[in-house]
Structures are given as structure tokens and as C-alpha cells.
Amino acid sequence: MALLSIFLVGYCSQGEDKEICEVDAVKNWIRSLLTKRVTRVSGSSRKLSVEEIPPSELLVMLFQFSLFALLALSALEIAHLALLGEWNGEIFAAITGIIGTIMGILIGSKK
């Protein structure tokens, strides 16, 4: 969580609880990442307008869960390597599956 707070400095106001604010900042970052932007030409003057379509709250929560699971499994793999000195294929398979899920969410949300 300390690494995450380095990237999220400035999102919290003075009166808010820091941990709650960090989670909200992560959700806002994910929401902006998954927001679809559609450019449209309107009228005879050919004026461009950009419409933003926000993602559903379920999609944001799924992406957030996947991201935190990826971080936890990566930390577990690093600890396994450091303590036991050998690679764990099952943890790596889970990491690969979660990366596939995250990529699917990112590609699917932009269409």
C-alpha cells in the first residue's frame, strides 16, 4: 500500500481517512482508465464533441480485485523465490490467468 500511496499523493483532502481515500483514489483511477470516449461530428459546422461513457461499478470493482490479486500473487511468488529458492509454477499460472483477465477487461471495455 505504501507504493500505491506514492502515486496517489494529492488525492486526499485533509479531513479524510488516508486508507479510505487511497482506495477511492484507486477506484477513480480505474474508472478513468476504463471510461470509453466517443468522438462525434455534429451539425453542418462539423463541430467535434467528445462523449464519455463511464464503466459500470461492477466492472470497476472486478478490475480493482484483479489488480490487487495480481499484486498479492506477485508478492507471494517473490517470497517463495526468496525463502525457498525455487520457482512455483502454480502461482505463476494464477498470475498469468489474472493478467489475461485484466487484458480482456481493458480490451473489451474500449470497444
Protein backbone atom coordinates (compact mmCIF):
# COMPACT_ATOMS: atom_id res chain seq x y z
CA MET A 1 0.00 0.00 0.00
CA ALA A 2 2.97 2.31 0.54
CA LEU A 3 3.98 2.07 -3.11
CA LEU A 4 0.43 2.87 -4.12
CA SER A 5 0.32 5.97 -1.94
CA ILE A 6 3.40 7.34 -3.73
CA PHE A 7 1.38 7.53 -6.94
CA LEU A 8 -1.76 8.89 -5.29
CA VAL A 9 -0.33 11.87 -3.43
CA GLY A 10 -2.65 14.84 -3.60
CA TYR A 11 -5.94 12.96 -3.98
CA CYS A 12 -6.88 13.10 -0.29
CA SER A 13 -8.25 16.14 1.46
CA GLN A 14 -7.11 17.00 4.98
CA GLY A 15 -10.11 15.58 6.90
CA GLU A 16 -10.38 12.19 5.17
CA ASP A 17 -9.07 8.89 6.46
CA LYS A 18 -5.93 8.11 4.45
CA GLU A 19 -6.69 4.40 3.80
CA ILE A 20 -10.24 5.07 2.63
CA CYS A 21 -9.00 7.92 0.46
CA GLU A 22 -6.35 5.70 -1.17
CA VAL A 23 -8.96 3.06 -2.07
CA ASP A 24 -11.24 5.76 -3.51
CA ALA A 25 -8.32 7.16 -5.48
CA VAL A 26 -7.59 3.72 -6.93
CA LYS A 27 -11.25 3.33 -7.91
CA ASN A 28 -11.25 6.77 -9.55
CA TRP A 29 -8.06 5.92 -11.45
CA ILE A 30 -9.55 2.63 -12.65
CA ARG A 31 -12.81 4.37 -13.57
CA SER A 32 -10.93 6.93 -15.68
CA LEU A 33 -8.86 4.14 -17.28
CA LEU A 34 -11.99 2.19 -18.30
CA THR A 35 -14.02 5.22 -19.43
CA LYS A 36 -14.92 4.99 -23.10
CA ARG A 37 -14.56 8.21 -25.11
CA VAL A 38 -16.62 8.59 -28.27
CA THR A 39 -15.92 11.42 -30.74
CA ARG A 40 -18.88 12.63 -32.76
CA VAL A 41 -19.32 15.19 -35.53
CA SER A 42 -22.44 17.29 -35.07
CA GLY A 43 -24.23 19.82 -37.24
CA SER A 44 -23.36 21.40 -40.53
CA SER A 45 -20.40 23.22 -38.95
CA ARG A 46 -18.70 19.85 -38.38
CA LYS A 47 -18.17 20.57 -34.71
CA LEU A 48 -16.46 17.73 -32.84
CA SER A 49 -17.76 16.65 -29.47
CA VAL A 50 -16.31 14.04 -27.15
CA GLU A 51 -18.77 12.00 -25.13
CA GLU A 52 -17.51 10.00 -22.16
CA ILE A 53 -19.29 6.78 -21.25
CA PRO A 54 -18.36 5.65 -17.72
CA PRO A 55 -17.90 1.94 -16.91
CA SER A 56 -20.27 0.06 -14.63
CA GLU A 57 -19.43 -0.12 -10.94
CA LEU A 58 -19.21 -3.92 -11.15
CA LEU A 59 -16.54 -3.68 -13.85
CA VAL A 60 -14.54 -1.21 -11.75
CA MET A 61 -14.74 -3.50 -8.70
CA LEU A 62 -13.74 -6.57 -10.76
CA PHE A 63 -10.74 -4.73 -12.18
CA GLN A 64 -9.75 -3.49 -8.72
CA PHE A 65 -9.98 -7.02 -7.29
CA SER A 66 -7.94 -8.41 -10.19
CA LEU A 67 -5.26 -5.75 -9.74
CA PHE A 68 -4.91 -6.37 -6.01
CA ALA A 69 -4.89 -10.16 -6.56
CA LEU A 70 -2.12 -9.72 -9.13
CA LEU A 71 -0.06 -7.68 -6.66
CA ALA A 72 -0.63 -10.22 -3.86
CA LEU A 73 0.28 -13.20 -6.04
CA SER A 74 3.38 -11.42 -7.32
CA ALA A 75 4.47 -10.75 -3.74
CA LEU A 76 3.80 -14.39 -2.88
CA GLU A 77 5.91 -15.59 -5.83
CA ILE A 78 8.76 -13.26 -4.83
CA ALA A 79 8.59 -14.51 -1.23
CA HIS A 80 8.57 -18.11 -2.45
CA LEU A 81 11.65 -17.45 -4.57
CA ALA A 82 13.45 -15.64 -1.75
CA LEU A 83 12.70 -18.15 1.01
CA LEU A 84 12.69 -21.48 -0.80
CA GLY A 85 14.87 -20.62 -3.75
CA GLU A 86 12.67 -22.31 -6.33
CA TRP A 87 10.01 -21.29 -8.83
CA ASN A 88 6.36 -22.13 -8.11
CA GLY A 89 4.52 -22.93 -11.34
CA GLU A 90 1.05 -22.87 -9.78
CA ILE A 91 1.43 -19.30 -8.54
CA PHE A 92 2.81 -18.26 -11.92
CA ALA A 93 -0.17 -19.90 -13.66
CA ALA A 94 -2.54 -17.91 -11.44
CA ILE A 95 -0.62 -14.70 -12.22
CA THR A 96 -0.85 -15.46 -15.94
CA GLY A 97 -4.61 -16.05 -15.66
CA ILE A 98 -5.17 -12.79 -13.84
CA ILE A 99 -3.09 -10.89 -16.40
CA GLY A 100 -5.30 -12.41 -19.11
CA THR A 101 -8.40 -11.27 -17.22
CA ILE A 102 -7.06 -7.73 -16.84
CA MET A 103 -6.12 -7.54 -20.54
CA GLY A 104 -9.55 -8.85 -21.51
CA ILE A 105 -11.23 -6.19 -19.38
CA LEU A 106 -9.09 -3.41 -20.86
CA ILE A 107 -9.58 -4.51 -24.47
CA GLY A 108 -13.27 -5.29 -24.03
CA SER A 109 -14.13 -2.02 -22.28
CA LYS A 110 -12.79 0.14 -25.13
CA LYS A 111 -14.97 -1.43 -27.84
